[in-house]
Protein backbone atom coordinates (compact mmCIF):
# COMPACT_ATOMS: atom_id res chain seq x y z
CA MET A 1 99.93 106.31 68.13
CA ARG A 2 101.65 102.59 66.83
CA GLU A 3 100.04 99.53 67.07
CA LEU A 4 100.42 97.88 69.93
CA PRO A 5 102.06 93.66 69.95
CA THR A 6 99.22 91.86 71.29
CA ASP A 7 99.93 88.54 69.64
CA GLY A 8 103.38 87.18 70.66
CA GLN A 9 105.04 88.87 68.15
CA ASN A 10 108.84 88.73 67.74
CA PHE A 11 111.05 91.63 67.67
CA LEU A 12 111.18 90.91 63.87
CA SER A 13 107.90 91.41 63.21
CA ILE A 14 107.62 94.25 65.42
CA ARG A 15 110.06 96.21 63.67
CA LYS A 16 109.07 95.52 60.79
CA HIS A 17 105.75 96.30 60.82
CA ASN A 18 106.39 99.37 63.02
CA LEU A 19 104.42 97.97 66.40
CA LEU A 20 105.63 99.67 69.53
CA TYR A 21 108.85 98.47 70.94
CA VAL A 22 110.12 99.82 74.77
CA ASP A 23 113.77 99.76 73.72
CA LYS A 24 115.93 97.57 75.93
CA THR A 25 118.53 97.21 73.99
CA LYS A 26 120.96 99.51 76.25
CA TYR A 27 120.80 96.55 78.35
CA ILE A 28 121.86 94.74 75.35
CA TYR A 29 124.59 96.45 74.67
CA ASP A 30 125.62 95.79 78.12
CA ILE A 31 125.73 92.61 77.80
CA ILE A 32 127.41 91.93 74.77
CA ARG A 33 130.36 94.26 74.61
CA ASN A 34 132.39 91.92 76.59
CA ASP A 35 132.40 87.88 76.59
CA GLY A 36 130.99 86.59 79.28
CA CYS A 37 128.44 83.84 80.19
CA PHE A 38 125.01 85.13 81.94
CA PHE A 39 122.37 83.90 82.87
CA LEU A 40 118.89 85.86 83.77
CA SER A 41 115.55 84.26 85.81
CA ARG A 42 111.79 85.86 85.23
CA PRO A 43 108.20 84.92 85.29
CA ARG A 44 106.54 83.35 82.04
CA ARG A 45 105.65 85.97 79.79
CA PHE A 46 107.93 88.83 80.51
CA GLY A 47 109.87 89.83 77.62
CA LYS A 48 112.48 86.99 77.93
CA SER A 49 111.66 86.30 74.45
CA LEU A 50 111.56 89.38 73.39
CA LEU A 51 115.17 90.19 75.15
CA ILE A 52 116.71 87.41 73.16
CA GLY A 53 115.23 87.74 69.72
CA ALA A 54 116.22 91.37 69.84
CA MET A 55 119.58 89.97 70.75
CA GLU A 56 119.79 87.67 68.24
CA ALA A 57 119.09 90.33 65.61
CA VAL A 58 121.74 92.53 67.09
CA LEU A 59 124.23 89.78 67.01
CA GLN A 60 123.73 88.90 63.47
CA GLY A 61 123.99 93.03 62.25
CA GLN A 62 120.62 93.73 61.11
CA ARG A 63 121.24 97.32 62.14
CA GLU A 64 118.10 98.48 60.08
CA LEU A 65 115.93 96.96 62.61
CA PHE A 66 117.87 99.72 65.10
CA ASN A 67 117.17 102.60 63.82
CA ASN A 68 116.19 105.14 66.38
CA LEU A 69 116.72 102.77 69.20
CA TRP A 70 120.10 103.27 71.40
CA ILE A 71 122.23 100.94 70.34
CA GLY A 72 121.76 102.49 67.02
CA SER A 73 122.90 105.63 67.79
CA SER A 74 125.63 104.45 70.29
CA GLY A 75 128.53 103.52 67.74
CA TYR A 76 128.32 99.36 68.01
CA ASP A 77 129.46 98.32 64.71
CA PHE A 78 127.00 95.39 64.32
CA GLU A 79 129.68 93.64 62.81
CA PRO A 80 127.66 89.80 62.32
CA ILE A 81 128.85 86.90 63.84
CA PRO A 82 127.16 83.25 63.83
CA VAL A 83 124.16 82.92 66.70
CA VAL A 84 123.02 79.69 67.33
CA LYS A 85 119.70 80.91 69.31
CA LEU A 86 117.48 77.76 70.91
CA ASN A 87 113.98 77.58 73.09
CA MET A 88 114.05 74.79 75.03
CA SER A 89 110.19 74.82 74.70
CA GLY A 90 108.30 71.98 72.97
CA PRO A 91 107.48 68.62 73.36
CA SER A 92 109.64 66.22 76.89
CA GLN A 93 107.53 63.86 77.58
CA GLY A 94 110.29 61.10 78.18
CA GLU A 95 114.11 60.74 76.39
CA THR A 96 113.05 59.77 72.89
CA GLN A 97 110.85 62.78 72.75
CA LEU A 98 113.34 65.19 74.14
CA ASN A 99 116.02 64.28 72.69
CA ASP A 100 113.73 64.36 69.26
CA THR A 101 112.57 68.25 70.09
CA ILE A 102 116.11 69.33 70.76
CA ALA A 103 117.01 67.26 67.31
CA SER A 104 114.34 69.65 65.42
CA LYS A 105 115.38 72.71 67.12
CA LEU A 106 119.26 72.02 66.14
CA ARG A 107 118.60 71.17 62.66
CA ARG A 108 116.33 74.13 62.09
CA VAL A 109 119.31 76.77 63.42
CA ALA A 110 121.99 74.94 61.30
CA TRP A 111 119.78 75.31 57.88
CA LYS A 112 119.12 78.94 58.64
CA ASN A 113 123.16 79.44 58.87
CA GLY A 114 123.65 76.73 55.22
CA GLU A 115 125.03 73.93 57.52
CA GLU A 116 123.81 70.55 58.61
CA VAL A 117 124.21 68.80 61.35
CA THR A 118 124.45 65.06 62.73
CA THR A 119 121.47 64.91 65.25
CA ASP A 120 121.13 60.87 65.47
CA VAL A 121 123.29 61.58 68.19
CA ASN A 122 123.14 62.78 71.80
CA PRO A 123 121.56 66.28 71.71
CA ALA A 124 125.16 67.59 73.65
CA SER A 125 127.49 66.16 70.49
CA ALA A 126 124.77 67.31 67.59
CA LEU A 127 125.47 70.87 69.71
CA SER A 128 129.06 70.99 69.88
CA ASP A 129 129.14 69.80 65.83
CA LEU A 130 126.83 72.51 64.90
CA VAL A 131 129.18 75.36 66.77
CA THR A 132 132.59 73.83 65.62
CA LYS A 133 131.47 73.87 62.34
CA LEU A 134 129.86 77.51 62.39
CA TYR A 135 133.47 78.86 63.88
CA LEU A 136 135.30 77.09 61.12
CA LYS A 137 133.00 78.06 58.38
CA THR A 138 132.83 82.05 59.40
CA LYS A 139 135.82 82.37 61.87
CA LYS A 140 134.25 83.91 63.85
CA ARG A 141 133.23 82.62 67.48
CA VAL A 142 129.82 81.70 67.92
CA ALA A 143 127.16 83.35 70.84
CA VAL A 144 124.59 80.66 71.95
CA LEU A 145 121.37 82.20 73.08
CA ILE A 146 119.01 79.41 75.26
CA ASP A 147 115.58 80.49 76.06
CA GLU A 148 113.54 78.58 78.63
CA TYR A 149 116.52 77.06 79.95
CA ASP A 150 114.12 75.13 82.32
CA ALA A 151 111.21 74.52 80.26
CA PRO A 152 111.39 70.99 79.59
CA ILE A 153 111.71 70.53 84.04
CA HIS A 154 108.94 72.30 84.24
CA ALA A 155 106.62 70.40 81.53
CA THR A 156 107.41 66.90 84.08
CA ILE A 157 107.88 68.52 87.44
CA ASP A 158 104.52 66.45 88.63
CA ASN A 159 106.26 63.19 88.05
CA PRO A 160 109.90 62.46 89.67
CA SER A 161 111.18 60.08 86.82
CA LEU A 162 110.34 62.20 83.87
CA VAL A 163 112.27 64.92 85.76
CA ALA A 164 115.08 62.70 86.20
CA THR A 165 115.61 61.50 82.79
CA ASN A 166 115.20 65.55 81.31
CA GLN A 167 117.54 66.67 83.86
CA ARG A 168 120.33 64.29 83.17
CA ILE A 169 120.11 65.63 78.92
CA LEU A 170 119.73 68.85 79.87
CA HIS A 171 122.97 68.54 82.31
CA ASP A 172 125.14 66.80 79.71
CA PHE A 173 123.38 68.88 76.99
CA TYR A 174 124.19 72.12 78.63
CA ALA A 175 127.76 70.90 79.98
CA ILE A 176 129.42 70.74 76.93
CA LEU A 177 129.08 74.78 76.60
CA LYS A 178 131.34 74.57 79.17
CA ASP A 179 134.07 72.86 77.13
CA LEU A 180 133.10 74.77 73.89
CA SER A 181 133.48 78.15 75.90
CA ASP A 182 137.35 76.58 77.03
CA ASP A 183 137.92 75.95 73.62
CA GLY A 184 137.79 79.66 72.86
CA LEU A 185 134.66 78.99 70.24
CA LEU A 186 132.26 80.85 72.09
CA SER A 187 131.79 85.11 71.80
CA LEU A 188 128.45 85.22 74.45
CA LEU A 189 126.61 82.73 76.38
CA PHE A 190 123.06 84.00 77.48
CA MET A 191 120.12 81.89 79.14
CA THR A 192 117.01 82.85 80.64
CA GLY A 193 114.49 80.59 82.36
CA VAL A 194 111.60 80.61 84.95
CA THR A 195 113.73 79.25 87.69
CA LYS A 196 117.35 78.66 88.94
CA PHE A 197 117.19 74.19 89.22
CA VAL A 198 120.61 73.87 90.73
CA GLN A 199 121.07 70.58 89.54
CA THR A 200 120.90 71.48 86.05
CA SER A 201 125.19 71.59 85.31
CA ILE A 202 125.05 75.37 83.91
CA PHE A 203 124.61 76.43 87.52
CA SER A 204 127.79 73.86 88.67
CA VAL A 205 130.35 73.44 86.37
CA PHE A 206 130.60 77.35 85.42
CA ASN A 207 132.49 79.36 87.51
CA ASN A 208 132.45 82.28 85.75
CA LEU A 209 129.09 82.15 85.02
CA THR A 210 127.31 86.11 86.01
CA ASP A 211 124.00 85.82 86.69
CA LEU A 212 121.93 89.19 86.33
CA THR A 213 118.43 88.04 87.96
CA LEU A 214 119.11 90.38 91.19
CA ASN A 215 121.34 92.37 89.82
CA LYS A 216 120.44 95.67 90.81
CA ASP A 217 121.53 97.44 87.06
CA TYR A 218 119.26 94.80 85.20
CA ASN A 219 116.34 95.39 87.75
CA GLY A 220 114.25 96.75 84.28
CA VAL A 221 115.76 94.55 81.75
CA CYS A 222 112.29 93.00 81.36
CA GLY A 223 108.86 94.44 81.84
CA PHE A 224 107.98 98.69 82.37
CA THR A 225 109.91 101.15 84.86
CA LEU A 226 107.55 103.67 85.55
CA GLU A 227 109.65 105.65 83.15
CA GLU A 228 108.68 103.32 80.41
CA PHE A 229 105.15 103.52 81.41
CA ASP A 230 104.97 106.98 81.07
CA SER A 231 106.93 107.72 78.29
CA TYR A 232 105.38 104.87 75.82
CA PHE A 233 101.86 104.18 77.34
CA ALA A 234 100.27 107.51 78.31
CA GLU A 235 98.75 108.33 74.61
CA TYR A 236 96.35 105.19 75.17
CA LEU A 237 94.97 106.27 78.57
CA PRO A 238 92.15 108.67 77.21
CA ALA A 239 90.68 106.05 74.67
CA MET A 240 90.96 103.45 77.34
CA LEU A 241 89.50 105.70 80.56
CA GLU A 242 85.98 105.74 78.91
CA ASN A 243 85.27 101.75 78.41
CA VAL A 244 86.73 101.72 82.13
CA LYS A 245 84.37 103.87 83.45
CA SER A 246 81.31 102.05 81.67
CA GLU A 247 82.93 98.46 83.56
CA GLY A 248 82.51 100.20 86.89
CA ALA A 249 86.36 99.56 87.63
CA LEU A 250 86.19 103.54 87.81
CA SER A 251 83.58 106.20 88.78
CA LYS A 252 82.49 108.58 86.52
CA SER A 253 84.54 111.57 87.20
CA SER A 254 87.55 109.48 87.59
CA THR A 255 90.31 111.16 85.20
CA GLU A 256 93.58 110.15 82.86
CA SER A 257 95.32 110.01 86.49
CA ASP A 258 92.74 108.01 88.14
CA LEU A 259 93.34 105.25 85.14
CA ARG A 260 96.96 105.10 85.64
CA GLN A 261 96.79 104.76 89.48
CA LEU A 262 94.29 101.75 88.41
CA LEU A 263 96.95 100.10 86.37
CA LEU A 264 99.70 100.45 88.40
CA ASP A 265 97.91 98.90 91.75
CA TYR A 266 96.94 95.87 88.79
CA TYR A 267 99.96 95.40 86.96
CA ASP A 268 103.13 97.47 88.82
CA GLY A 269 104.87 96.54 92.16
CA TYR A 270 107.66 93.71 90.57
CA SER A 271 111.46 94.24 91.85
CA TRP A 272 114.47 92.37 91.63
CA ASP A 273 116.45 94.62 93.93
CA GLY A 274 113.34 95.85 95.94
CA LYS A 275 114.52 99.44 95.17
CA LYS A 276 112.92 100.07 91.92
CA ARG A 277 109.48 98.84 90.20
CA VAL A 278 108.67 97.73 86.48
CA ILE A 279 105.18 96.40 85.49
CA ASN A 280 103.73 93.39 84.23
CA SER A 281 104.74 94.30 80.42
CA TYR A 282 102.20 91.51 79.16
CA SER A 283 99.46 92.24 81.22
CA LEU A 284 99.54 96.15 80.63
CA VAL A 285 99.95 95.67 76.84
CA LYS A 286 96.91 93.36 76.59
CA CYS A 287 94.91 96.08 79.11
CA LEU A 288 95.53 99.07 76.77
CA ALA A 289 94.82 96.76 73.41
CA GLU A 290 91.69 95.21 74.57
CA GLN A 291 90.65 98.50 76.87
CA SER A 292 90.03 96.60 80.23
CA VAL A 293 91.27 95.67 83.55
CA GLU A 294 91.49 92.18 83.59
CA PRO A 295 94.29 89.51 84.71
CA PHE A 296 95.83 88.63 81.44
CA TRP A 297 98.57 87.43 82.94
CA PHE A 298 97.30 85.37 85.62
CA ASN A 299 94.80 83.73 82.65
CA THR A 300 97.82 82.68 80.44
CA GLY A 301 98.02 79.63 82.87
CA THR A 302 99.41 78.95 87.00
CA PRO A 303 101.71 76.44 87.20
CA SER A 304 99.71 72.98 88.63
CA PHE A 305 102.52 72.17 90.69
CA LEU A 306 101.60 75.39 92.46
CA VAL A 307 98.11 74.95 93.61
CA LYS A 308 99.07 71.19 94.46
CA TYR A 309 101.68 71.73 96.55
CA ILE A 310 99.86 74.49 98.52
CA GLN A 311 96.95 71.55 98.67
CA LYS A 312 98.45 69.80 100.52
CA LYS A 313 100.81 72.50 102.41
CA PRO A 314 98.54 75.26 102.78
CA PHE A 315 100.36 76.78 106.03
CA ASP A 316 102.96 76.79 104.06
CA TYR A 317 100.77 79.80 101.54
CA VAL A 318 99.87 81.58 105.06
CA GLU A 319 103.41 81.68 105.96
CA ALA A 320 104.76 83.17 102.47
CA GLU A 321 104.69 86.60 102.97
CA SER A 322 105.97 87.32 106.27
CA TYR A 323 109.03 85.45 104.67
CA GLU A 324 112.43 86.67 104.54
CA LEU A 325 115.24 84.35 102.99
CA SER A 326 118.91 84.49 101.86
CA GLU A 327 119.70 85.13 98.13
CA SER A 328 120.84 81.45 97.94
CA ARG A 329 117.57 79.93 99.27
CA LEU A 330 115.28 82.25 97.24
CA HIS A 331 117.19 82.06 93.93
CA ALA A 332 117.83 78.37 93.57
CA ILE A 333 115.99 75.46 94.08
CA GLU A 334 116.28 71.84 94.07
CA VAL A 335 113.92 69.94 91.42
CA ASP A 336 113.29 66.49 94.77
CA LYS A 337 113.12 69.64 97.19
CA LEU A 338 110.82 72.01 95.99
CA GLU A 339 109.98 74.83 98.63
CA LEU A 340 107.04 77.35 97.40
CA VAL A 341 108.27 80.37 98.80
CA PRO A 342 110.85 80.57 95.92
CA LEU A 343 109.13 78.80 93.56
CA LEU A 344 106.50 81.62 94.32
CA PHE A 345 108.97 83.96 94.11
CA GLN A 346 110.55 82.99 90.57
CA THR A 347 107.02 82.17 88.74
CA GLY A 348 105.94 86.05 90.06
CA TYR A 349 103.81 85.27 92.44
CA LEU A 350 105.78 87.28 94.94
CA THR A 351 108.75 89.58 94.10
CA VAL A 352 111.26 91.67 96.61
CA GLU A 353 109.59 94.16 99.07
CA LYS A 354 113.19 94.73 100.53
CA LYS A 355 116.52 94.33 100.54
CA ILE A 356 117.64 93.91 104.15
CA GLY A 357 121.66 93.58 104.85
CA SER A 358 123.80 92.02 102.11
CA SER A 359 122.29 89.06 100.95
CA ASN A 360 118.13 88.60 102.92
CA TYR A 361 115.53 89.46 100.93
CA ARG A 362 111.77 90.37 102.23
CA LEU A 363 108.94 89.48 99.52
CA LYS A 364 105.66 90.42 99.21
CA CYS A 365 102.36 90.39 96.82
CA PRO A 366 103.26 92.29 93.48
CA ASN A 367 100.06 93.50 92.95
CA LEU A 368 96.27 93.09 92.56
CA GLU A 369 96.07 91.20 89.47
CA VAL A 370 98.20 88.43 90.97
CA ASP A 371 96.50 88.76 95.18
CA GLN A 372 93.17 88.44 93.23
CA ALA A 373 93.54 86.35 90.62
CA PHE A 374 95.62 84.03 92.73
CA ASN A 375 93.69 83.41 95.03
CA ALA A 376 90.61 83.34 93.68
CA SER A 377 92.08 80.72 91.45
CA LEU A 378 93.71 78.69 94.80
CA VAL A 379 89.87 78.92 96.52
CA LYS A 380 88.26 77.04 93.75
CA ALA A 381 91.23 74.65 93.69
CA LEU A 382 91.07 73.98 97.63
CA THR A 383 87.50 73.50 98.10
CA GLY A 384 86.56 71.94 94.63
CA ARG A 385 83.23 75.00 94.79
CA LYS A 386 82.62 77.24 91.40
CA GLU A 387 82.66 81.13 91.40
CA PRO A 388 79.20 82.09 92.47
CA HIS A 389 79.34 80.12 95.39
CA ILE A 390 82.24 81.32 96.15
CA LEU A 391 81.22 84.88 95.38
CA LYS A 392 77.91 84.20 97.78
CA LEU A 393 79.70 82.91 100.38
CA ALA A 394 82.20 86.09 100.20
CA ALA A 395 79.12 88.44 100.44
CA GLU A 396 77.40 86.81 103.52
CA LEU A 397 80.83 86.66 105.15
CA LYS A 398 81.01 90.54 105.11
CA THR A 399 77.96 91.29 105.91
CA ALA A 400 77.67 88.55 108.94
CA LEU A 401 81.17 90.42 110.18
CA LEU A 402 79.99 93.65 109.85
CA ALA A 403 77.04 93.09 111.96
CA PHE A 404 79.36 91.35 114.27
CA ASP A 405 76.81 88.30 114.33
CA GLU A 406 79.45 85.14 115.57
CA VAL A 407 76.54 83.11 114.36
CA ALA A 408 76.10 83.82 110.77
CA VAL A 409 80.20 84.26 111.22
CA ALA A 410 80.73 80.95 112.29
CA LYS A 411 77.77 79.56 109.95
CA ARG A 412 80.06 80.48 106.82
CA LEU A 413 83.13 79.00 108.54
CA GLU A 414 81.87 76.62 108.59
CA THR A 415 80.83 76.12 104.97
CA ILE A 416 84.94 76.88 104.15
CA LEU A 417 85.60 73.65 105.78
CA ARG A 418 82.73 71.80 105.06
CA TRP A 419 83.64 72.98 100.91
CA VAL A 420 87.22 70.88 101.93
CA PRO A 421 86.59 66.81 100.95
CA HIS A 422 86.74 65.06 104.34
CA GLN A 423 89.58 62.56 103.58
CA GLU A 424 91.93 65.53 102.51
CA GLN A 425 90.95 67.29 105.61
CA LYS A 426 93.84 66.86 108.78
CA ALA A 427 93.35 67.16 112.28
CA LEU A 428 95.25 69.94 112.58
CA GLU A 429 94.73 73.22 114.00
CA GLY A 430 97.34 74.74 111.46
CA TYR A 431 95.63 72.92 108.48
CA HIS A 432 92.26 74.82 109.72
CA HIS A 433 93.98 77.76 110.15
CA ALA A 434 95.49 77.94 106.77
CA LEU A 435 92.38 76.79 105.28
CA ILE A 436 90.84 79.84 106.98
CA TYR A 437 93.45 82.17 105.63
CA SER A 438 93.66 81.48 102.25
CA VAL A 439 89.59 81.21 101.53
CA LEU A 440 89.45 84.84 103.37
CA LYS A 441 92.27 86.24 100.78
CA ALA A 442 90.59 84.69 97.86
CA LEU A 443 87.45 86.09 98.94
CA HIS A 444 89.52 89.56 98.66
CA PHE A 445 89.62 90.14 102.62
CA LYS A 446 92.42 92.45 104.19
CA VAL A 447 94.33 89.29 105.98
CA LYS A 448 97.43 88.86 107.82
CA SER A 449 98.15 85.62 109.29
CA GLU A 450 100.59 85.13 112.21
CA VAL A 451 100.65 88.81 113.62
CA SER A 452 103.33 90.18 116.35
CA VAL A 453 102.62 92.65 119.02
CA SER A 454 104.24 93.10 121.95
CA GLU A 455 102.64 90.16 123.94
CA GLY A 456 102.71 87.32 121.37
CA VAL A 457 101.02 85.94 118.09
CA PHE A 458 97.74 85.71 117.22
CA ASP A 459 96.22 83.78 114.35
CA LEU A 460 94.84 86.04 111.85
CA PHE A 461 94.00 89.57 111.57
CA ILE A 462 90.91 90.51 109.28
CA GLU A 463 90.32 94.43 108.17
CA ILE A 464 87.73 95.44 106.69
CA PRO A 465 88.52 99.17 105.32
CA LYS A 466 87.12 102.17 107.12
CA LYS A 467 84.97 99.87 109.06
CA ALA A 468 86.31 97.29 111.40
CA ILE A 469 89.09 95.02 112.50
CA PHE A 470 89.09 91.60 114.27
CA ILE A 471 91.86 90.00 115.81
CA VAL A 472 91.10 86.22 115.53
CA GLU A 473 92.51 83.62 117.73
CA ILE A 474 91.68 79.83 116.59
CA LYS A 475 91.42 76.72 119.01
CA PHE A 476 91.48 72.95 117.31
CA LYS A 477 90.09 70.15 119.37
CA LYS A 478 90.45 66.41 118.25
CA ILE A 479 87.16 64.25 118.61
CA PRO A 480 88.26 61.61 121.64
CA GLY A 481 88.03 58.07 120.58
CA LYS A 482 85.93 56.97 117.76
CA LYS A 483 84.71 60.15 116.02
CA ASP A 484 81.27 58.14 114.86
CA LEU A 485 80.37 57.71 118.69
CA ALA A 486 80.35 61.49 119.25
CA THR A 487 77.44 62.74 120.37
CA GLU A 488 76.32 66.53 119.61
CA GLU A 489 76.71 67.62 122.86
CA ASP A 490 80.27 66.04 122.39
CA VAL A 491 81.45 68.47 119.96
CA LYS A 492 79.07 71.29 121.43
CA LYS A 493 81.42 70.82 125.10
CA LEU A 494 84.90 70.43 122.89
CA LEU A 495 83.55 73.84 121.19
CA ASP A 496 83.09 75.41 124.22
CA GLN A 497 86.72 74.54 125.64
CA ALA A 498 88.36 75.69 122.53
CA VAL A 499 86.48 78.93 122.38
CA LYS A 500 86.94 79.53 125.97
CA GLU A 501 90.49 79.04 125.69
CA ALA A 502 90.73 81.54 122.51
CA VAL A 503 88.77 84.32 124.76
CA ALA A 504 91.22 83.97 127.60
CA GLN A 505 94.11 83.81 125.28
CA ILE A 506 93.33 87.68 123.87
CA LYS A 507 92.76 88.55 127.32
CA LEU A 508 96.27 87.09 128.72
CA LYS A 509 98.00 88.53 125.81
CA GLU A 510 96.07 91.65 125.68
CA TYR A 511 96.44 91.14 121.23
CA ASP A 512 94.30 94.10 120.29
CA ALA A 513 96.24 96.72 122.67
CA GLY A 514 97.16 99.74 120.57
CA PHE A 515 95.19 99.10 117.71
CA ASP A 516 91.75 101.25 118.60
CA GLN A 517 94.16 103.99 117.73
CA GLU A 518 94.26 103.33 114.34
CA TYR A 519 91.11 101.61 113.42
CA PRO A 520 87.04 102.75 114.06
CA ALA A 521 85.80 99.17 115.70
CA VAL A 522 87.97 96.80 116.77
CA LYS A 523 86.94 93.76 117.56
CA LYS A 524 88.19 90.46 119.03
CA MET A 525 86.84 86.80 117.44
CA ALA A 526 87.29 83.96 119.43
CA VAL A 527 87.49 80.74 116.90
CA GLY A 528 86.43 77.38 118.06
CA ILE A 529 86.81 74.28 115.88
CA VAL A 530 86.82 71.07 116.67
CA GLU A 531 87.28 68.47 113.71
CA ARG A 532 85.51 67.31 110.64
CA ALA A 533 84.13 71.01 110.59
CA TYR A 534 82.67 72.56 113.17
CA VAL A 535 82.47 76.16 114.27
CA LEU A 536 81.29 78.22 117.04
CA THR A 537 82.82 81.65 117.71
CA LYS A 538 82.64 84.58 119.67
CA ILE A 539 83.03 88.22 119.21
CA TYR A 540 82.99 90.86 121.73
């Protein structure tokens, strides 16, 4: 049983030390066998760098690294060509820093190829100089591999001025690749990234760029397919089973088959074609190595701008899983017009559930790791509360719901709303609706928002498996006049009015019709909210 590569080893290190490598060389062969310019988007830590490292070794003719791999027995000739491989991550806080970062990377590539490159000019000129020298030296066209092309934009996305500067530099830097390609100096251009930012020139100047991101033939190019999981990782399960049982993640009578399903529930579910699913490679390898089921991928870091976006516009998050987007909206983003749903998709927090027609996609949360860890992180950000407070509230709210205790439920919902600083609360029903939804999701309740039935749309659907469901309608009231002058009696009247309106709407629209055929107990819950976090509920 081979040792697992858990420390971010590159392709060369994995092969030299005989660590486990899931063979992706058929995809590499399909990409490099014809001249072309290619782009691939995948979330962070999803195997893009490992793919590019293997591609570099193939192009450099390192045949010995590919014994017992697909491409090693394919008949590929491994004729070496010059390769410029750049990972664009690194310091990028301003023009000087980004230019210095790129210059340092170009100098290193030149040194590895026995060349020198002038880096006291702009990065685009330096890249052109390096490619030209390699072409003249070898009389062979050059392959350019750029990993994390968008890293300088992601690193500064909270700062519009820095983003604009970095975009300008990257625009010129990537645009020179078009000139080099047109001049016949490039044999291959392959770029990876997380986000397809349409303002970067690579997507505007290359009329022959092949985007592999949503191509069904490349769904499994990163991550692990179910077949790869069973072929490469089944032998690691027996050693892990007893540990998982001791942690309480599985019962004492559980089998390897149960463990396999648990790992798939947590880490599987990603798709870019809506048909075939792939497993998060980083989390799976880490969990098998550490013999523990944890949110390993999530814990490597959630982009802060996502949380900040949701804090400002929580209702966008409520709507995210019901979204259907066209391919153009799903896959391309403008930095100055960020949209939450495409960002959640491209960063790995949503994935394709189904392709609809020729160019539309329905999205969903990929797996339990993302669902649980992201929402837990989000509730901390929204409320500023620590995990013990959150877990305590979750237990109390679940108990209150199961007891159909409307007073206790109202008290807990009020607590949720009061956790949010008053100055950040917005006097809108949608805001409070979204906040309750987000926190319920973070507390691991099964909850859906904006649920459509034959007579209309109700606000929330809460499910407690094998126990009950709640059909929830929320009504929000503003305090008229000066809020500080409102009496307790004024608030009570507004709360009563809000609850009565919610009850009347539930009855009129018959939101609960038909659910009693599927669930043991169906409860209707009218929620009245008055700004400044006063809550009243009626459960019937």
